[in-house]
């Protein structure tokens, strides 16, 4: 199972995963400026054919292509863009994220 964190505005997936799915991350048609710990970055935006998490599947979902630092030991970030569409409820006290009746074990 991949590890993801939550809290970002936009959903982020690593380059290697997007390339594995055949997406063009080296020459993207769109980029966005993102402020990160290392400064301001120009990050590719990719449309994934489908994205399924928390019991919600989205078609042609836009994600940011960004490799997170290896020390984070996470594969991506579930952004508010996805969590809103999944109607997710984050239960911090119990360490759970629920969306449309489904549950995802938290990695808090």
N, C-alpha and C. Protein backbone atom coordinates (compact mmCIF):
# COMPACT_ATOMS: atom_id res chain seq x y z
N UNK A 1 0.84 -1.17 0.00
CA UNK A 1 0.00 0.00 0.00
C UNK A 1 0.89 1.24 0.00
N UNK A 2 0.55 2.20 -0.82
CA UNK A 2 1.28 3.45 -0.86
C UNK A 2 0.93 4.30 0.35
N UNK A 3 1.89 5.08 0.77
CA UNK A 3 1.65 6.00 1.88
C UNK A 3 1.42 7.39 1.30
N UNK A 4 0.39 8.06 1.79
CA UNK A 4 0.10 9.43 1.40
C UNK A 4 -0.17 10.26 2.63
N UNK A 5 0.11 11.53 2.54
CA UNK A 5 -0.23 12.50 3.57
C UNK A 5 -1.38 13.34 3.03
N UNK A 6 -2.00 14.09 3.93
CA UNK A 6 -3.07 14.99 3.50
C UNK A 6 -2.73 16.41 3.92
N UNK A 7 -3.47 17.35 3.40
CA UNK A 7 -3.32 18.73 3.82
C UNK A 7 -2.91 19.69 2.72
N UNK A 8 -2.44 19.19 1.61
CA UNK A 8 -2.06 20.06 0.50
C UNK A 8 -3.30 20.57 -0.22
N UNK A 9 -3.15 21.67 -0.92
CA UNK A 9 -4.27 22.18 -1.72
C UNK A 9 -4.53 21.27 -2.92
N UNK A 10 -3.44 20.83 -3.56
CA UNK A 10 -3.55 19.99 -4.76
C UNK A 10 -2.96 18.61 -4.49
N UNK A 11 -3.49 17.59 -5.14
CA UNK A 11 -2.98 16.23 -5.01
C UNK A 11 -1.66 16.13 -5.76
N UNK A 12 -0.69 15.46 -5.13
CA UNK A 12 0.66 15.34 -5.67
C UNK A 12 1.02 13.86 -5.80
N UNK A 13 1.55 13.48 -6.97
CA UNK A 13 2.07 12.13 -7.20
C UNK A 13 3.48 12.23 -7.74
N UNK A 14 4.33 11.24 -7.44
CA UNK A 14 5.73 11.30 -7.89
C UNK A 14 5.88 11.05 -9.39
N UNK A 15 6.95 11.61 -9.95
CA UNK A 15 7.25 11.44 -11.38
C UNK A 15 7.28 9.97 -11.77
N UNK A 16 7.96 9.13 -10.99
CA UNK A 16 8.12 7.73 -11.37
C UNK A 16 6.78 7.03 -11.54
N UNK A 17 5.82 7.34 -10.69
CA UNK A 17 4.50 6.72 -10.79
C UNK A 17 3.76 7.21 -12.02
N UNK A 18 3.80 8.50 -12.27
CA UNK A 18 3.12 9.06 -13.43
C UNK A 18 3.74 8.56 -14.73
N UNK A 19 5.07 8.44 -14.76
CA UNK A 19 5.75 7.90 -15.95
C UNK A 19 5.37 6.44 -16.17
N UNK A 20 5.25 5.69 -15.09
CA UNK A 20 4.86 4.27 -15.19
C UNK A 20 3.50 4.13 -15.87
N UNK A 21 2.63 5.11 -15.67
CA UNK A 21 1.31 5.09 -16.29
C UNK A 21 1.31 5.71 -17.68
N UNK A 22 2.51 6.06 -18.17
CA UNK A 22 2.64 6.56 -19.53
C UNK A 22 2.30 8.03 -19.72
N UNK A 23 2.28 8.78 -18.63
CA UNK A 23 1.96 10.21 -18.74
C UNK A 23 3.22 11.01 -19.08
N UNK A 24 3.05 12.06 -19.85
CA UNK A 24 4.15 12.90 -20.30
C UNK A 24 4.45 13.96 -19.23
N UNK A 25 5.37 13.64 -18.34
CA UNK A 25 5.73 14.59 -17.29
C UNK A 25 6.99 15.38 -17.65
N UNK A 26 7.74 14.91 -18.64
CA UNK A 26 8.97 15.60 -19.04
C UNK A 26 8.68 16.84 -19.89
N UNK A 27 7.62 16.80 -20.66
CA UNK A 27 7.23 17.92 -21.51
C UNK A 27 5.74 18.21 -21.31
N UNK A 28 5.39 18.73 -20.13
CA UNK A 28 3.97 18.94 -19.82
C UNK A 28 3.38 20.10 -20.61
N UNK A 29 2.09 20.03 -20.85
CA UNK A 29 1.41 21.13 -21.52
C UNK A 29 1.07 22.24 -20.54
N UNK A 30 1.08 21.93 -19.23
CA UNK A 30 0.75 22.90 -18.20
C UNK A 30 1.72 22.77 -17.03
N UNK A 31 2.05 23.89 -16.41
CA UNK A 31 2.81 23.89 -15.17
C UNK A 31 2.16 24.89 -14.22
N UNK A 32 2.55 24.80 -12.95
CA UNK A 32 2.04 25.71 -11.94
C UNK A 32 3.18 26.06 -10.99
N UNK A 33 3.16 27.29 -10.48
CA UNK A 33 4.17 27.70 -9.49
C UNK A 33 3.69 27.24 -8.12
N UNK A 34 4.59 26.54 -7.41
CA UNK A 34 4.27 26.00 -6.09
C UNK A 34 5.34 26.47 -5.11
N UNK A 35 4.89 26.95 -3.97
CA UNK A 35 5.83 27.33 -2.92
C UNK A 35 6.03 26.13 -2.01
N UNK A 36 7.27 25.68 -1.90
CA UNK A 36 7.61 24.53 -1.06
C UNK A 36 8.73 24.94 -0.11
N UNK A 37 9.15 24.00 0.72
CA UNK A 37 10.20 24.28 1.71
C UNK A 37 11.48 24.78 1.03
N UNK A 38 11.77 24.28 -0.18
CA UNK A 38 12.98 24.66 -0.87
C UNK A 38 12.86 25.92 -1.70
N UNK A 39 11.70 26.57 -1.67
CA UNK A 39 11.49 27.78 -2.45
C UNK A 39 10.32 27.62 -3.41
N UNK A 40 10.30 28.44 -4.44
CA UNK A 40 9.23 28.39 -5.44
C UNK A 40 9.66 27.48 -6.58
N UNK A 41 8.79 26.53 -6.93
CA UNK A 41 9.08 25.56 -7.98
C UNK A 41 8.06 25.69 -9.11
N UNK A 42 8.49 25.38 -10.33
CA UNK A 42 7.58 25.28 -11.47
C UNK A 42 7.29 23.78 -11.63
N UNK A 43 6.05 23.37 -11.37
CA UNK A 43 5.69 21.95 -11.27
C UNK A 43 4.73 21.56 -12.40
N UNK A 44 4.99 20.43 -13.09
CA UNK A 44 4.07 19.97 -14.13
C UNK A 44 2.71 19.57 -13.57
N UNK A 45 1.66 19.84 -14.33
CA UNK A 45 0.31 19.38 -14.01
C UNK A 45 -0.03 18.30 -15.02
N UNK A 46 -0.50 17.15 -14.52
CA UNK A 46 -0.85 16.02 -15.40
C UNK A 46 -2.29 15.60 -15.15
N UNK A 47 -2.96 15.19 -16.20
CA UNK A 47 -4.30 14.63 -16.08
C UNK A 47 -4.17 13.11 -16.06
N UNK A 48 -4.53 12.50 -14.94
CA UNK A 48 -4.51 11.03 -14.87
C UNK A 48 -5.87 10.53 -15.34
N UNK A 49 -5.89 9.44 -16.11
CA UNK A 49 -7.16 8.94 -16.65
C UNK A 49 -8.21 8.66 -15.56
N UNK A 50 -7.74 8.13 -14.44
CA UNK A 50 -8.62 7.92 -13.29
C UNK A 50 -7.81 7.89 -12.01
N UNK A 51 -8.45 8.26 -10.92
CA UNK A 51 -7.81 8.28 -9.61
C UNK A 51 -8.83 7.73 -8.63
N UNK A 52 -8.48 6.66 -7.91
CA UNK A 52 -9.42 5.99 -7.03
C UNK A 52 -8.86 5.94 -5.61
N UNK A 53 -9.59 6.51 -4.67
CA UNK A 53 -9.20 6.50 -3.27
C UNK A 53 -10.43 6.79 -2.43
N UNK A 54 -10.49 6.26 -1.22
CA UNK A 54 -11.61 6.51 -0.30
C UNK A 54 -12.95 6.16 -0.91
N UNK A 55 -12.98 5.18 -1.79
CA UNK A 55 -14.24 4.77 -2.40
C UNK A 55 -14.74 5.72 -3.48
N UNK A 56 -13.91 6.67 -3.87
CA UNK A 56 -14.29 7.64 -4.91
C UNK A 56 -13.34 7.50 -6.08
N UNK A 57 -13.91 7.35 -7.27
CA UNK A 57 -13.08 7.31 -8.47
C UNK A 57 -13.39 8.55 -9.30
N UNK A 58 -12.33 9.30 -9.62
CA UNK A 58 -12.47 10.49 -10.45
C UNK A 58 -11.84 10.24 -11.81
N UNK A 59 -12.46 10.72 -12.85
CA UNK A 59 -11.95 10.58 -14.21
C UNK A 59 -11.22 11.86 -14.60
N UNK A 60 -10.15 11.72 -15.39
CA UNK A 60 -9.37 12.87 -15.88
C UNK A 60 -9.05 13.84 -14.74
N UNK A 61 -8.47 13.31 -13.68
CA UNK A 61 -8.16 14.08 -12.48
C UNK A 61 -6.78 14.73 -12.62
N UNK A 62 -6.71 16.02 -12.34
CA UNK A 62 -5.46 16.77 -12.47
C UNK A 62 -4.63 16.64 -11.19
N UNK A 63 -3.37 16.23 -11.35
CA UNK A 63 -2.45 16.09 -10.23
C UNK A 63 -1.15 16.83 -10.54
N UNK A 64 -0.42 17.16 -9.49
CA UNK A 64 0.89 17.76 -9.66
C UNK A 64 1.94 16.66 -9.69
N UNK A 65 2.91 16.77 -10.59
CA UNK A 65 4.02 15.81 -10.67
C UNK A 65 5.18 16.37 -9.87
N UNK A 66 5.44 15.75 -8.73
CA UNK A 66 6.49 16.27 -7.85
C UNK A 66 7.04 15.13 -7.00
N UNK A 67 8.34 14.95 -7.05
CA UNK A 67 8.99 13.97 -6.18
C UNK A 67 9.21 14.60 -4.82
N UNK A 68 8.69 13.96 -3.81
CA UNK A 68 8.87 14.43 -2.44
C UNK A 68 10.20 13.94 -1.91
N UNK A 69 10.79 14.63 -0.95
CA UNK A 69 12.10 14.20 -0.42
C UNK A 69 12.04 12.75 0.10
N UNK A 70 13.07 11.95 -0.18
CA UNK A 70 13.07 10.54 0.25
C UNK A 70 12.87 10.37 1.75
N UNK A 71 13.37 11.31 2.53
CA UNK A 71 13.25 11.17 3.99
C UNK A 71 11.81 11.23 4.48
N UNK A 72 10.88 11.72 3.64
CA UNK A 72 9.48 11.79 4.06
C UNK A 72 8.82 10.42 4.09
N UNK A 73 9.36 9.49 3.30
CA UNK A 73 8.85 8.12 3.22
C UNK A 73 7.36 8.06 2.87
N UNK A 74 6.91 9.02 2.05
CA UNK A 74 5.54 8.98 1.55
C UNK A 74 5.58 9.07 0.03
N UNK A 75 4.54 8.55 -0.61
CA UNK A 75 4.49 8.51 -2.06
C UNK A 75 3.77 9.69 -2.68
N UNK A 76 2.93 10.36 -1.92
CA UNK A 76 2.18 11.47 -2.49
C UNK A 76 1.41 12.22 -1.43
N UNK A 77 0.65 13.19 -1.90
CA UNK A 77 -0.18 14.00 -1.02
C UNK A 77 -1.61 13.99 -1.54
N UNK A 78 -2.55 13.65 -0.67
CA UNK A 78 -3.96 13.78 -1.03
C UNK A 78 -4.34 15.23 -0.76
N UNK A 79 -4.65 15.95 -1.81
CA UNK A 79 -4.95 17.37 -1.67
C UNK A 79 -6.42 17.63 -1.39
N UNK A 80 -6.68 18.86 -1.00
CA UNK A 80 -8.06 19.27 -0.76
C UNK A 80 -8.89 19.16 -2.04
N UNK A 81 -8.25 19.27 -3.21
CA UNK A 81 -8.98 19.11 -4.47
C UNK A 81 -9.66 17.75 -4.53
N UNK A 82 -8.96 16.70 -4.07
CA UNK A 82 -9.56 15.36 -4.05
C UNK A 82 -10.47 15.17 -2.85
N UNK A 83 -9.99 15.56 -1.67
CA UNK A 83 -10.75 15.32 -0.44
C UNK A 83 -12.13 15.97 -0.48
N UNK A 84 -12.23 17.15 -1.08
CA UNK A 84 -13.54 17.80 -1.22
C UNK A 84 -14.46 16.99 -2.12
N UNK A 85 -13.94 16.51 -3.25
CA UNK A 85 -14.77 15.74 -4.17
C UNK A 85 -15.16 14.39 -3.59
N UNK A 86 -14.29 13.82 -2.72
CA UNK A 86 -14.59 12.54 -2.08
C UNK A 86 -15.49 12.72 -0.87
N UNK A 87 -15.81 13.97 -0.54
CA UNK A 87 -16.60 14.29 0.65
C UNK A 87 -15.97 13.63 1.88
N UNK A 88 -14.65 13.77 1.98
CA UNK A 88 -13.89 13.11 3.04
C UNK A 88 -14.10 13.77 4.39
N UNK A 89 -14.08 12.95 5.40
CA UNK A 89 -14.13 13.40 6.79
C UNK A 89 -12.85 12.92 7.44
N UNK A 90 -12.07 13.85 7.97
CA UNK A 90 -10.82 13.51 8.62
C UNK A 90 -11.08 13.49 10.13
N UNK A 91 -10.95 12.30 10.71
CA UNK A 91 -11.14 12.11 12.15
C UNK A 91 -9.76 11.98 12.78
N UNK A 92 -9.19 13.09 13.22
CA UNK A 92 -7.84 13.12 13.75
C UNK A 92 -7.75 12.31 15.04
N UNK A 93 -8.75 12.42 15.89
CA UNK A 93 -8.73 11.72 17.18
C UNK A 93 -8.60 10.21 17.01
N UNK A 94 -9.31 9.64 16.02
CA UNK A 94 -9.27 8.20 15.80
C UNK A 94 -8.31 7.78 14.69
N UNK A 95 -7.65 8.75 14.05
CA UNK A 95 -6.69 8.44 12.99
C UNK A 95 -7.32 7.82 11.77
N UNK A 96 -8.48 8.33 11.36
CA UNK A 96 -9.20 7.78 10.21
C UNK A 96 -9.57 8.87 9.21
N UNK A 97 -9.65 8.47 7.97
CA UNK A 97 -10.20 9.32 6.93
C UNK A 97 -11.32 8.53 6.28
N UNK A 98 -12.49 9.12 6.22
CA UNK A 98 -13.65 8.45 5.62
C UNK A 98 -14.15 9.27 4.45
N UNK A 99 -14.56 8.57 3.41
CA UNK A 99 -15.13 9.24 2.25
C UNK A 99 -16.25 8.43 1.66
N UNK A 100 -17.43 9.01 1.58
CA UNK A 100 -18.60 8.35 0.99
C UNK A 100 -18.79 6.93 1.53
N UNK A 101 -18.67 6.77 2.83
CA UNK A 101 -18.93 5.48 3.45
C UNK A 101 -17.75 4.54 3.46
N UNK A 102 -16.63 4.91 2.86
CA UNK A 102 -15.44 4.06 2.85
C UNK A 102 -14.44 4.59 3.86
N UNK A 103 -13.50 3.74 4.26
CA UNK A 103 -12.52 4.15 5.24
C UNK A 103 -11.12 3.85 4.72
N UNK A 104 -10.19 4.72 5.02
CA UNK A 104 -8.79 4.54 4.66
C UNK A 104 -7.98 4.63 5.94
N UNK A 105 -7.14 3.63 6.18
CA UNK A 105 -6.28 3.71 7.36
C UNK A 105 -5.38 4.91 7.23
N UNK A 106 -5.31 5.67 8.28
CA UNK A 106 -4.49 6.86 8.28
C UNK A 106 -3.02 6.50 8.48
N UNK A 107 -2.14 7.39 8.05
CA UNK A 107 -0.72 7.21 8.27
C UNK A 107 -0.20 8.35 9.14
N UNK A 108 -1.04 8.87 10.03
CA UNK A 108 -0.64 9.95 10.92
C UNK A 108 0.48 9.47 11.80
